[in-house]
Amino acid sequence: MHYRKRPYSSGKRQIGSNVLASQLYRSSSFNSSGCGSGGEPADDMYSDVSLEEDVQGLNYKVQLLQQQVTSLADTQSTADERYARAKSDNAVLQARVHMLDEQIREIECRCEERIAEEQKRCREAISRVERDRDAQLSALTDRLGAAESEASHLKQEVGRLRGVAETLRANADIGTRSAREAQEAAGELAAQLSAARDAERRE
């Protein structure tokens, strides 16, 4: 991943970095050196050129730390977007799985009702045509065979839909794991961002 680098070469942000660098440098120099003999300030020991170079060096470090904080913030934003997309995709997959489950239940009910109704009609018809059972029985046997063939086809369709549902469930599990991994990555990035901000405050 390439991080965007934002320039800090002009404007109020640059001025703020210079002021902060100067204050940090002077505070550090004063605390480490104290005052010279006779109450003279320790800053008099440094030339203007040396002071300017030290301030510029410290200012560069402050700018670099600010760029790192900005990059971490951008990376966290990208991770949050990926987590939101994964969560949305997972919700869509869950809805599709639920819809397929409903369709499977409806097909199973229709299949059972169709078989029950056809068997009932066949039994009633056989009892009515006992006197001419040979011809009638042949026709009814053909009808029953057609009904069983259709029932077999419906059962095969149910099996196919169950396979599709299992595939969608597997995809939903993958989406859930991806969302969890994205959330963990976002947590790690948030910790890095907090550490970088703490480091910037200490600088």
C-alpha atoms as a PDB file:
ATOM      1  CA  MET A   1       0.000   0.000   0.000  1.00  0.00           C
ATOM      2  CA  HIS A   2       1.325   3.451  -0.955  1.00  0.00           C
ATOM      3  CA  TYR A   3       0.727   6.219   1.536  1.00  0.00           C
ATOM      4  CA  ARG A   4      -0.015   9.732   0.429  1.00  0.00           C
ATOM      5  CA  LYS A   5       2.482  12.332   1.580  1.00  0.00           C
ATOM      6  CA  ARG A   6       1.080  15.755   2.274  1.00  0.00           C
ATOM      7  CA  PRO A   7       3.374  18.748   1.870  1.00  0.00           C
ATOM      8  CA  TYR A   8       4.149  20.904   4.874  1.00  0.00           C
ATOM      9  CA  SER A   9       6.221  23.559   3.116  1.00  0.00           C
ATOM     10  CA  SER A  10       3.956  26.619   3.506  1.00  0.00           C
ATOM     11  CA  GLY A  11       1.016  28.173   5.361  1.00  0.00           C
ATOM     12  CA  LYS A  12      -0.040  28.008   8.984  1.00  0.00           C
ATOM     13  CA  ARG A  13       0.912  24.345   9.317  1.00  0.00           C
ATOM     14  CA  GLN A  14       4.560  25.170   8.468  1.00  0.00           C
ATOM     15  CA  ILE A  15       4.594  28.113  10.872  1.00  0.00           C
ATOM     16  CA  GLY A  16       3.143  25.950  13.620  1.00  0.00           C
ATOM     17  CA  SER A  17       5.838  23.323  13.038  1.00  0.00           C
ATOM     18  CA  ASN A  18       8.607  25.954  13.189  1.00  0.00           C
ATOM     19  CA  VAL A  19       7.249  27.466  16.394  1.00  0.00           C
ATOM     20  CA  LEU A  20       6.836  24.042  17.969  1.00  0.00           C
ATOM     21  CA  ALA A  21      10.355  23.016  16.936  1.00  0.00           C
ATOM     22  CA  SER A  22      11.831  26.249  18.324  1.00  0.00           C
ATOM     23  CA  GLN A  23      10.005  25.869  21.624  1.00  0.00           C
ATOM     24  CA  LEU A  24      11.029  22.236  21.971  1.00  0.00           C
ATOM     25  CA  TYR A  25      14.646  23.046  21.175  1.00  0.00           C
ATOM     26  CA  ARG A  26      14.881  25.976  23.553  1.00  0.00           C
ATOM     27  CA  SER A  27      13.151  24.072  26.333  1.00  0.00           C
ATOM     28  CA  SER A  28      15.515  21.130  25.856  1.00  0.00           C
ATOM     29  CA  SER A  29      18.588  23.381  25.725  1.00  0.00           C
ATOM     30  CA  PHE A  30      17.552  25.288  28.832  1.00  0.00           C
ATOM     31  CA  ASN A  31      16.778  22.179  30.875  1.00  0.00           C
ATOM     32  CA  SER A  32      19.991  20.398  29.893  1.00  0.00           C
ATOM     33  CA  SER A  33      22.406  23.342  30.182  1.00  0.00           C
ATOM     34  CA  GLY A  34      20.799  25.620  32.795  1.00  0.00           C
ATOM     35  CA  CYS A  35      22.217  29.112  33.247  1.00  0.00           C
ATOM     36  CA  GLY A  36      25.884  30.072  32.882  1.00  0.00           C
ATOM     37  CA  SER A  37      28.025  31.606  35.561  1.00  0.00           C
ATOM     38  CA  GLY A  38      26.969  35.034  36.746  1.00  0.00           C
ATOM     39  CA  GLY A  39      23.305  34.350  35.815  1.00  0.00           C
ATOM     40  CA  GLU A  40      23.894  34.613  32.038  1.00  0.00           C
ATOM     41  CA  PRO A  41      21.496  32.503  29.851  1.00  0.00           C
ATOM     42  CA  ALA A  42      22.948  29.284  28.410  1.00  0.00           C
ATOM     43  CA  ASP A  43      21.541  30.169  24.930  1.00  0.00           C
ATOM     44  CA  ASP A  44      24.321  32.770  24.580  1.00  0.00           C
ATOM     45  CA  MET A  45      26.749  29.888  24.130  1.00  0.00           C
ATOM     46  CA  TYR A  46      25.270  29.034  20.721  1.00  0.00           C
ATOM     47  CA  SER A  47      25.599  31.062  17.575  1.00  0.00           C
ATOM     48  CA  ASP A  48      22.561  32.056  15.515  1.00  0.00           C
ATOM     49  CA  VAL A  49      23.625  29.747  12.683  1.00  0.00           C
ATOM     50  CA  SER A  50      23.919  26.710  14.950  1.00  0.00           C
ATOM     51  CA  LEU A  51      20.547  27.477  16.540  1.00  0.00           C
ATOM     52  CA  GLU A  52      18.876  27.776  13.136  1.00  0.00           C
ATOM     53  CA  GLU A  53      20.332  24.447  11.993  1.00  0.00           C
ATOM     54  CA  ASP A  54      19.163  22.704  15.149  1.00  0.00           C
ATOM     55  CA  VAL A  55      15.676  24.196  14.811  1.00  0.00           C
ATOM     56  CA  GLN A  56      15.470  23.127  11.157  1.00  0.00           C
ATOM     57  CA  GLY A  57      16.540  19.592  12.053  1.00  0.00           C
ATOM     58  CA  LEU A  58      13.951  19.364  14.808  1.00  0.00           C
ATOM     59  CA  ASN A  59      11.325  20.879  12.514  1.00  0.00           C
ATOM     60  CA  TYR A  60      12.036  18.188   9.903  1.00  0.00           C
ATOM     61  CA  LYS A  61      11.501  15.478  12.515  1.00  0.00           C
ATOM     62  CA  VAL A  62       8.194  17.063  13.561  1.00  0.00           C
ATOM     63  CA  GLN A  63       7.038  17.218   9.918  1.00  0.00           C
ATOM     64  CA  LEU A  64       8.033  13.588   9.362  1.00  0.00           C
ATOM     65  CA  LEU A  65       6.071  12.502  12.429  1.00  0.00           C
ATOM     66  CA  GLN A  66       3.047  14.499  11.242  1.00  0.00           C
ATOM     67  CA  GLN A  67       3.229  12.765   7.851  1.00  0.00           C
ATOM     68  CA  GLN A  68       3.364   9.373   9.560  1.00  0.00           C
ATOM     69  CA  VAL A  69       0.298  10.235  11.655  1.00  0.00           C
ATOM     70  CA  THR A  70      -1.573  11.352   8.515  1.00  0.00           C
ATOM     71  CA  SER A  71      -0.630   8.136   6.679  1.00  0.00           C
ATOM     72  CA  LEU A  72      -1.838   6.004   9.590  1.00  0.00           C
ATOM     73  CA  ALA A  73      -5.123   7.925   9.687  1.00  0.00           C
ATOM     74  CA  ASP A  74      -5.635   7.361   5.931  1.00  0.00           C
ATOM     75  CA  THR A  75      -4.848   3.661   6.310  1.00  0.00           C
ATOM     76  CA  GLN A  76      -7.343   3.323   9.150  1.00  0.00           C
ATOM     77  CA  SER A  77     -10.017   5.016   7.037  1.00  0.00           C
ATOM     78  CA  THR A  78      -9.380   2.521   4.214  1.00  0.00           C
ATOM     79  CA  ALA A  79      -9.645  -0.406   6.642  1.00  0.00           C
ATOM     80  CA  ASP A  80     -12.936   0.964   8.001  1.00  0.00           C
ATOM     81  CA  GLU A  81     -14.329   1.179   4.456  1.00  0.00           C
ATOM     82  CA  ARG A  82     -13.281  -2.416   3.710  1.00  0.00           C
ATOM     83  CA  TYR A  83     -14.940  -3.607   6.912  1.00  0.00           C
ATOM     84  CA  ALA A  84     -18.180  -1.775   6.031  1.00  0.00           C
ATOM     85  CA  ARG A  85     -18.209  -3.308   2.535  1.00  0.00           C
ATOM     86  CA  ALA A  86     -17.556  -6.804   3.878  1.00  0.00           C
ATOM     87  CA  LYS A  87     -20.332  -6.381   6.444  1.00  0.00           C
ATOM     88  CA  SER A  88     -22.774  -5.219   3.746  1.00  0.00           C
ATOM     89  CA  ASP A  89     -21.843  -8.121   1.426  1.00  0.00           C
ATOM     90  CA  ASN A  90     -22.310 -10.571   4.265  1.00  0.00           C
ATOM     91  CA  ALA A  91     -25.794  -9.193   4.981  1.00  0.00           C
ATOM     92  CA  VAL A  92     -26.746  -9.647   1.301  1.00  0.00           C
ATOM     93  CA  LEU A  93     -25.501 -13.254   1.319  1.00  0.00           C
ATOM     94  CA  GLN A  94     -27.409 -14.003   4.503  1.00  0.00           C
ATOM     95  CA  ALA A  95     -30.593 -12.641   2.921  1.00  0.00           C
ATOM     96  CA  ARG A  96     -30.095 -14.821  -0.169  1.00  0.00           C
ATOM     97  CA  VAL A  97     -29.529 -17.903   1.979  1.00  0.00           C
ATOM     98  CA  HIS A  98     -32.729 -17.174   3.888  1.00  0.00           C
ATOM     99  CA  MET A  99     -34.657 -16.736   0.623  1.00  0.00           C
ATOM    100  CA  LEU A 100     -33.347 -20.053  -0.748  1.00  0.00           C
ATOM    101  CA  ASP A 101     -34.273 -21.827   2.490  1.00  0.00           C
ATOM    102  CA  GLU A 102     -37.830 -20.549   2.102  1.00  0.00           C
ATOM    103  CA  GLN A 103     -37.949 -21.716  -1.522  1.00  0.00           C
ATOM    104  CA  ILE A 104     -36.684 -25.170  -0.541  1.00  0.00           C
ATOM    105  CA  ARG A 105     -39.351 -25.509   2.138  1.00  0.00           C
ATOM    106  CA  GLU A 106     -42.070 -24.461  -0.303  1.00  0.00           C
ATOM    107  CA  ILE A 107     -40.896 -26.957  -2.940  1.00  0.00           C
ATOM    108  CA  GLU A 108     -40.740 -29.758  -0.373  1.00  0.00           C
ATOM    109  CA  CYS A 109     -44.287 -28.973   0.806  1.00  0.00           C
ATOM    110  CA  ARG A 110     -45.622 -28.885  -2.763  1.00  0.00           C
ATOM    111  CA  CYS A 111     -43.854 -32.150  -3.541  1.00  0.00           C
ATOM    112  CA  GLU A 112     -45.332 -33.922  -0.524  1.00  0.00           C
ATOM    113  CA  GLU A 113     -48.812 -32.519  -1.165  1.00  0.00           C
ATOM    114  CA  ARG A 114     -48.640 -33.461  -4.846  1.00  0.00           C
ATOM    115  CA  ILE A 115     -47.619 -37.037  -4.057  1.00  0.00           C
ATOM    116  CA  ALA A 116     -50.279 -37.362  -1.346  1.00  0.00           C
ATOM    117  CA  GLU A 117     -53.017 -35.999  -3.612  1.00  0.00           C
ATOM    118  CA  GLU A 118     -51.992 -38.162  -6.546  1.00  0.00           C
ATOM    119  CA  GLN A 119     -51.824 -41.299  -4.420  1.00  0.00           C
ATOM    120  CA  LYS A 120     -55.262 -40.523  -2.997  1.00  0.00           C
ATOM    121  CA  ARG A 121     -56.766 -40.049  -6.467  1.00  0.00           C
ATOM    122  CA  CYS A 122     -55.156 -43.249  -7.662  1.00  0.00           C
ATOM    123  CA  ARG A 123     -56.557 -45.296  -4.769  1.00  0.00           C
ATOM    124  CA  GLU A 124     -60.041 -43.831  -5.188  1.00  0.00           C
ATOM    125  CA  ALA A 125     -60.000 -44.422  -8.933  1.00  0.00           C
ATOM    126  CA  ILE A 126     -58.818 -48.019  -8.532  1.00  0.00           C
ATOM    127  CA  SER A 127     -61.678 -48.742  -6.118  1.00  0.00           C
ATOM    128  CA  ARG A 128     -64.222 -47.288  -8.570  1.00  0.00           C
ATOM    129  CA  VAL A 129     -63.036 -49.252 -11.586  1.00  0.00           C
ATOM    130  CA  GLU A 130     -62.641 -52.693 -10.065  1.00  0.00           C
ATOM    131  CA  ARG A 131     -65.018 -54.119 -12.664  1.00  0.00           C
ATOM    132  CA  ASP A 132     -62.839 -52.905 -15.505  1.00  0.00           C
ATOM    133  CA  ARG A 133     -59.586 -52.872 -13.624  1.00  0.00           C
ATOM    134  CA  ASP A 134     -57.286 -54.160 -16.353  1.00  0.00           C
ATOM    135  CA  ALA A 135     -57.659 -51.187 -18.695  1.00  0.00           C
ATOM    136  CA  GLN A 136     -58.154 -48.656 -15.947  1.00  0.00           C
ATOM    137  CA  LEU A 137     -55.278 -50.033 -13.892  1.00  0.00           C
ATOM    138  CA  SER A 138     -52.907 -49.654 -16.849  1.00  0.00           C
ATOM    139  CA  ALA A 139     -53.898 -46.020 -17.323  1.00  0.00           C
ATOM    140  CA  LEU A 140     -53.683 -45.245 -13.628  1.00  0.00           C
ATOM    141  CA  THR A 141     -50.313 -46.979 -13.366  1.00  0.00           C
ATOM    142  CA  ASP A 142     -49.059 -44.723 -16.142  1.00  0.00           C
ATOM    143  CA  ARG A 143     -50.355 -41.667 -14.313  1.00  0.00           C
ATOM    144  CA  LEU A 144     -48.736 -42.791 -11.098  1.00  0.00           C
ATOM    145  CA  GLY A 145     -45.456 -43.336 -12.925  1.00  0.00           C
ATOM    146  CA  ALA A 146     -45.638 -39.825 -14.353  1.00  0.00           C
ATOM    147  CA  ALA A 147     -46.403 -38.408 -10.901  1.00  0.00           C
ATOM    148  CA  GLU A 148     -43.474 -40.274  -9.353  1.00  0.00           C
ATOM    149  CA  SER A 149     -41.206 -39.115 -12.172  1.00  0.00           C
ATOM    150  CA  GLU A 150     -42.248 -35.537 -11.532  1.00  0.00           C
ATOM    151  CA  ALA A 151     -41.751 -36.044  -7.812  1.00  0.00           C
ATOM    152  CA  SER A 152     -38.262 -37.414  -8.500  1.00  0.00           C
ATOM    153  CA  HIS A 153     -37.505 -34.384 -10.643  1.00  0.00           C
ATOM    154  CA  LEU A 154     -38.697 -32.077  -7.880  1.00  0.00           C
ATOM    155  CA  LYS A 155     -36.527 -33.904  -5.353  1.00  0.00           C
ATOM    156  CA  GLN A 156     -33.518 -33.488  -7.644  1.00  0.00           C
ATOM    157  CA  GLU A 157     -34.305 -29.776  -7.892  1.00  0.00           C
ATOM    158  CA  VAL A 158     -34.475 -29.604  -4.103  1.00  0.00           C
ATOM    159  CA  GLY A 159     -31.052 -31.260  -3.919  1.00  0.00           C
ATOM    160  CA  ARG A 160     -29.628 -28.759  -6.386  1.00  0.00           C
ATOM    161  CA  LEU A 161     -31.035 -25.814  -4.452  1.00  0.00           C
ATOM    162  CA  ARG A 162     -29.615 -27.229  -1.251  1.00  0.00           C
ATOM    163  CA  GLY A 163     -26.195 -27.344  -2.904  1.00  0.00           C
ATOM    164  CA  VAL A 164     -26.572 -23.699  -3.919  1.00  0.00           C
ATOM    165  CA  ALA A 165     -27.622 -22.825  -0.381  1.00  0.00           C
ATOM    166  CA  GLU A 166     -24.559 -24.581   1.063  1.00  0.00           C
ATOM    167  CA  THR A 167     -22.319 -22.662  -1.341  1.00  0.00           C
ATOM    168  CA  LEU A 168     -23.892 -19.385  -0.257  1.00  0.00           C
ATOM    169  CA  ARG A 169     -23.489 -20.343   3.382  1.00  0.00           C
ATOM    170  CA  ALA A 170     -19.793 -21.028   2.747  1.00  0.00           C
ATOM    171  CA  ASN A 171     -19.440 -17.649   1.029  1.00  0.00           C
ATOM    172  CA  ALA A 172     -21.220 -16.011   3.959  1.00  0.00           C
ATOM    173  CA  ASP A 173     -18.740 -17.649   6.365  1.00  0.00           C
ATOM    174  CA  ILE A 174     -15.856 -16.341   4.246  1.00  0.00           C
ATOM    175  CA  GLY A 175     -17.405 -12.848   4.336  1.00  0.00           C
ATOM    176  CA  THR A 176     -17.767 -13.085   8.111  1.00  0.00           C
ATOM    177  CA  ARG A 177     -14.103 -14.075   8.513  1.00  0.00           C
ATOM    178  CA  SER A 178     -13.034 -11.257   6.181  1.00  0.00           C
ATOM    179  CA  ALA A 179     -15.086  -8.771   8.196  1.00  0.00           C
ATOM    180  CA  ARG A 180     -13.533 -10.029  11.439  1.00  0.00           C
ATOM    181  CA  GLU A 181     -10.013  -9.808   9.976  1.00  0.00           C
ATOM    182  CA  ALA A 182     -10.726  -6.289   8.693  1.00  0.00           C
ATOM    183  CA  GLN A 183     -12.000  -5.301  12.140  1.00  0.00           C
ATOM    184  CA  GLU A 184      -8.860  -6.709  13.784  1.00  0.00           C
ATOM    185  CA  ALA A 185      -6.683  -4.861  11.271  1.00  0.00           C
ATOM    186  CA  ALA A 186      -8.601  -1.664  12.014  1.00  0.00           C
ATOM    187  CA  GLY A 187      -7.973  -2.181  15.720  1.00  0.00           C
ATOM    188  CA  GLU A 188      -4.248  -2.623  15.140  1.00  0.00           C
ATOM    189  CA  LEU A 189      -4.123   0.484  12.977  1.00  0.00           C
ATOM    190  CA  ALA A 190      -6.005   2.442  15.626  1.00  0.00           C
ATOM    191  CA  ALA A 191      -3.421   1.348  18.198  1.00  0.00           C
ATOM    192  CA  GLN A 192      -0.592   2.409  15.879  1.00  0.00           C
ATOM    193  CA  LEU A 193      -2.284   5.761  15.301  1.00  0.00           C
ATOM    194  CA  SER A 194      -2.680   6.313  19.035  1.00  0.00           C
ATOM    195  CA  ALA A 195       0.974   5.420  19.609  1.00  0.00           C
ATOM    196  CA  ALA A 196       2.072   7.791  16.843  1.00  0.00           C
ATOM    197  CA  ARG A 197       0.005  10.605  18.311  1.00  0.00           C
ATOM    198  CA  ASP A 198       1.484   9.949  21.743  1.00  0.00           C
ATOM    199  CA  ALA A 199       4.956  10.057  20.202  1.00  0.00           C
ATOM    200  CA  GLU A 200       4.109  13.344  18.492  1.00  0.00           C
ATOM    201  CA  ARG A 201       2.966  14.864  21.780  1.00  0.00           C
ATOM    202  CA  ARG A 202       6.154  13.708  23.492  1.00  0.00           C
ATOM    203  CA  GLU A 203       8.231  15.272  20.722  1.00  0.00           C
END
